[in-house]
Each structure stands twice: as structure tokens, then as C-alpha cells.
C-alpha atoms as a PDB file:
ATOM      1  CA  GLN A   1     -38.285 -26.502  40.438  1.00  0.00           C
ATOM      2  CA  VAL A   2     -35.927 -25.394  36.624  1.00  0.00           C
ATOM      3  CA  GLN A   3     -32.462 -24.017  36.434  1.00  0.00           C
ATOM      4  CA  LEU A   4     -31.137 -22.146  33.951  1.00  0.00           C
ATOM      5  CA  VAL A   5     -27.418 -22.116  34.277  1.00  0.00           C
ATOM      6  CA  GLU A   6     -25.101 -20.075  31.495  1.00  0.00           C
ATOM      7  CA  SER A   7     -21.430 -20.052  30.807  1.00  0.00           C
ATOM      8  CA  GLY A   8     -19.072 -19.581  27.806  1.00  0.00           C
ATOM      9  CA  GLY A   9     -18.717 -16.040  29.380  1.00  0.00           C
ATOM     10  CA  GLY A  10     -15.221 -14.328  29.526  1.00  0.00           C
ATOM     11  CA  LEU A  11     -12.891 -11.499  28.341  1.00  0.00           C
ATOM     12  CA  VAL A  12     -12.313 -11.116  24.473  1.00  0.00           C
ATOM     13  CA  GLN A  13     -11.042  -8.475  22.350  1.00  0.00           C
ATOM     14  CA  PRO A  14     -12.981  -6.226  19.944  1.00  0.00           C
ATOM     15  CA  GLY A  15     -13.350  -8.141  17.060  1.00  0.00           C
ATOM     16  CA  GLY A  16     -13.100 -11.424  18.695  1.00  0.00           C
ATOM     17  CA  SER A  17     -15.592 -14.156  19.491  1.00  0.00           C
ATOM     18  CA  LEU A  18     -17.238 -15.948  22.161  1.00  0.00           C
ATOM     19  CA  ASN A  19     -19.875 -18.617  22.349  1.00  0.00           C
ATOM     20  CA  LEU A  20     -22.141 -18.898  25.344  1.00  0.00           C
ATOM     21  CA  SER A  21     -24.537 -21.992  26.263  1.00  0.00           C
ATOM     22  CA  CYS A  22     -27.377 -21.820  28.542  1.00  0.00           C
ATOM     23  CA  VAL A  23     -28.769 -25.369  29.847  1.00  0.00           C
ATOM     24  CA  ALA A  24     -31.947 -26.019  31.794  1.00  0.00           C
ATOM     25  CA  SER A  25     -32.393 -28.570  34.101  1.00  0.00           C
ATOM     26  CA  GLY A  26     -34.760 -29.926  36.548  1.00  0.00           C
ATOM     27  CA  SER A  27     -37.557 -32.720  35.794  1.00  0.00           C
ATOM     28  CA  ASN A  28     -41.561 -32.474  34.217  1.00  0.00           C
ATOM     29  CA  PHE A  29     -41.201 -29.423  31.978  1.00  0.00           C
ATOM     30  CA  ASN A  30     -41.433 -28.301  28.424  1.00  0.00           C
ATOM     31  CA  ILE A  31     -39.722 -25.462  27.079  1.00  0.00           C
ATOM     32  CA  GLY A  32     -41.420 -23.003  24.406  1.00  0.00           C
ATOM     33  CA  ALA A  33     -39.255 -20.013  23.417  1.00  0.00           C
ATOM     34  CA  MET A  34     -35.628 -19.627  24.322  1.00  0.00           C
ATOM     35  CA  GLY A  35     -33.485 -16.450  24.540  1.00  0.00           C
ATOM     36  CA  TRP A  36     -30.378 -14.325  25.579  1.00  0.00           C
ATOM     37  CA  TYR A  37     -30.847 -10.927  27.403  1.00  0.00           C
ATOM     38  CA  ARG A  38     -27.759  -8.608  28.454  1.00  0.00           C
ATOM     39  CA  GLN A  39     -27.436  -5.771  31.069  1.00  0.00           C
ATOM     40  CA  ALA A  40     -24.979  -3.339  31.187  1.00  0.00           C
ATOM     41  CA  PRO A  41     -24.386  -1.101  34.037  1.00  0.00           C
ATOM     42  CA  GLY A  42     -26.496   1.584  34.302  1.00  0.00           C
ATOM     43  CA  GLN A  43     -28.604   0.458  31.336  1.00  0.00           C
ATOM     44  CA  GLN A  44     -31.795  -1.107  30.616  1.00  0.00           C
ATOM     45  CA  ARG A  45     -31.949  -5.456  30.083  1.00  0.00           C
ATOM     46  CA  GLU A  46     -32.536  -5.564  26.408  1.00  0.00           C
ATOM     47  CA  LEU A  47     -33.253  -8.882  24.540  1.00  0.00           C
ATOM     48  CA  VAL A  48     -30.409  -9.483  22.535  1.00  0.00           C
ATOM     49  CA  ALA A  49     -31.613 -12.877  20.674  1.00  0.00           C
ATOM     50  CA  ALA A  50     -34.401 -15.446  20.819  1.00  0.00           C
ATOM     51  CA  ILE A  51     -35.615 -18.484  19.297  1.00  0.00           C
ATOM     52  CA  THR A  52     -39.186 -20.528  18.981  1.00  0.00           C
ATOM     53  CA  SER A  53     -39.022 -24.022  19.747  1.00  0.00           C
ATOM     54  CA  ALA A  54     -39.739 -24.147  15.827  1.00  0.00           C
ATOM     55  CA  GLY A  55     -36.449 -22.277  15.810  1.00  0.00           C
ATOM     56  CA  THR A  56     -37.285 -19.268  14.620  1.00  0.00           C
ATOM     57  CA  THR A  57     -34.923 -16.788  15.355  1.00  0.00           C
ATOM     58  CA  ASN A  58     -35.147 -12.819  16.313  1.00  0.00           C
ATOM     59  CA  TYR A  59     -32.206 -10.198  17.035  1.00  0.00           C
ATOM     60  CA  ALA A  60     -31.672  -6.873  18.324  1.00  0.00           C
ATOM     61  CA  ASP A  61     -30.758  -4.761  15.385  1.00  0.00           C
ATOM     62  CA  SER A  62     -27.367  -4.365  17.019  1.00  0.00           C
ATOM     63  CA  VAL A  63     -26.213  -7.812  17.087  1.00  0.00           C
ATOM     64  CA  LYS A  64     -27.899  -8.326  13.441  1.00  0.00           C
ATOM     65  CA  GLY A  65     -25.309 -10.542  11.339  1.00  0.00           C
ATOM     66  CA  ARG A  66     -22.749 -10.822  14.227  1.00  0.00           C
ATOM     67  CA  PHE A  67     -24.463 -13.116  16.542  1.00  0.00           C
ATOM     68  CA  THR A  68     -26.298 -16.738  15.785  1.00  0.00           C
ATOM     69  CA  ILE A  69     -28.961 -18.414  18.230  1.00  0.00           C
ATOM     70  CA  SER A  70     -29.604 -21.933  18.022  1.00  0.00           C
ATOM     71  CA  ARG A  71     -30.695 -24.450  20.422  1.00  0.00           C
ATOM     72  CA  ASP A  72     -30.949 -28.050  20.766  1.00  0.00           C
ATOM     73  CA  ASN A  73     -34.340 -29.321  21.937  1.00  0.00           C
ATOM     74  CA  ALA A  74     -32.452 -32.499  22.881  1.00  0.00           C
ATOM     75  CA  LYS A  75     -30.389 -31.184  25.322  1.00  0.00           C
ATOM     76  CA  ASN A  76     -32.853 -28.190  26.820  1.00  0.00           C
ATOM     77  CA  SER A  77     -30.004 -26.031  25.186  1.00  0.00           C
ATOM     78  CA  VAL A  78     -29.767 -22.346  23.523  1.00  0.00           C
ATOM     79  CA  TYR A  79     -26.356 -21.324  22.577  1.00  0.00           C
ATOM     80  CA  LEU A  80     -25.628 -17.639  21.593  1.00  0.00           C
ATOM     81  CA  GLN A  81     -22.620 -17.761  18.952  1.00  0.00           C
ATOM     82  CA  MET A  82     -20.794 -13.882  19.141  1.00  0.00           C
ATOM     83  CA  THR A  83     -18.154 -12.772  16.714  1.00  0.00           C
ATOM     84  CA  SER A  84     -17.109  -9.599  15.670  1.00  0.00           C
ATOM     85  CA  LEU A  85     -17.767  -8.154  19.072  1.00  0.00           C
ATOM     86  CA  LYS A  86     -17.293  -4.880  19.845  1.00  0.00           C
ATOM     87  CA  PRO A  87     -16.836  -2.705  23.255  1.00  0.00           C
ATOM     88  CA  GLU A  88     -20.717  -1.702  23.431  1.00  0.00           C
ATOM     89  CA  ASP A  89     -21.589  -5.443  23.980  1.00  0.00           C
ATOM     90  CA  THR A  90     -20.046  -5.695  27.181  1.00  0.00           C
ATOM     91  CA  ALA A  91     -22.694  -6.501  29.619  1.00  0.00           C
ATOM     92  CA  VAL A  92     -23.760  -9.328  31.721  1.00  0.00           C
ATOM     93  CA  TYR A  93     -25.856 -12.253  29.357  1.00  0.00           C
ATOM     94  CA  LEU A  94     -28.504 -13.880  30.682  1.00  0.00           C
ATOM     95  CA  CYS A  95     -30.517 -16.795  29.400  1.00  0.00           C
ATOM     96  CA  ASN A  96     -34.567 -17.024  29.573  1.00  0.00           C
ATOM     97  CA  ALA A  97     -36.612 -19.737  28.446  1.00  0.00           C
ATOM     98  CA  ALA A  98     -40.504 -20.096  28.337  1.00  0.00           C
ATOM     99  CA  ILE A  99     -40.596 -23.051  30.529  1.00  0.00           C
ATOM    100  CA  ARG A 100     -44.232 -25.090  30.791  1.00  0.00           C
ATOM    101  CA  GLY A 101     -45.345 -27.838  33.066  1.00  0.00           C
ATOM    102  CA  GLN A 102     -46.236 -31.172  30.872  1.00  0.00           C
ATOM    103  CA  GLY A 103     -49.659 -30.922  31.894  1.00  0.00           C
ATOM    104  CA  THR A 104     -52.412 -32.623  33.143  1.00  0.00           C
ATOM    105  CA  GLN A 105     -55.162 -34.465  31.588  1.00  0.00           C
ATOM    106  CA  VAL A 106     -58.726 -33.351  31.982  1.00  0.00           C
ATOM    107  CA  THR A 107     -61.518 -35.842  30.485  1.00  0.00           C
ATOM    108  CA  VAL A 108     -64.857 -34.445  31.184  1.00  0.00           C
ATOM    109  CA  SER A 109     -67.259 -37.305  30.269  1.00  0.00           C
ATOM    110  CA  SER A 110     -70.694 -38.595  31.527  1.00  0.00           C
END
């Protein structure tokens, strides 16, 4: 079973910065795309930023230029650097990852 554990949240003043981390732990898995979502009270969950295993990134328009997503494949980790924070950034931030098994060999041969 793979677990995702987020850390780094807290209280910050407008204009401040926070760095979030998420690490995936478990065994016998590979990770594809990783991302950060957020959900504010009474609002739908929204994608904040995503990053593929190759490093291609995607951001919500509301955070472009302020947030930076990165990952460390060797550590099965994804990070979100948040700067110039605004009151509207207040939410629960959740990490997500495309988890894949390592696969099993199938060989068809006579």
C-alpha cells in the first residue's frame, strides 16, 4: 500500500511564503505525474499544480508566477513552493500522485 504524506503547511501573513512537501512511501511502485490540489471550505477541490515524471509542469491561472512545483524522483517526493501568498490561497492542500505497479512480465512463446 502506498501512502502520501504532506507537510509544511501553517499560518503565514499575506505576502509570505510556505514550502509544502509530499512524500510517497510504500513498496513495489512507480510514480507518474504528481500534483497538488487544494480545497477551501464550501468550495470544490481544484488543481493547483502538476508535474509529470519528465518534469513538465502545469499551473492553475490563479497561482502562476507565485507557486513553483518540483519533484525529486529518487525520493518519491513532490514540493510546492508558494510565494506572495494571498488570503484566497487559504485551503487544505492535498498531494496526489499517479501510482503504478512495477508490472509483471508476460511472455507468450511456443
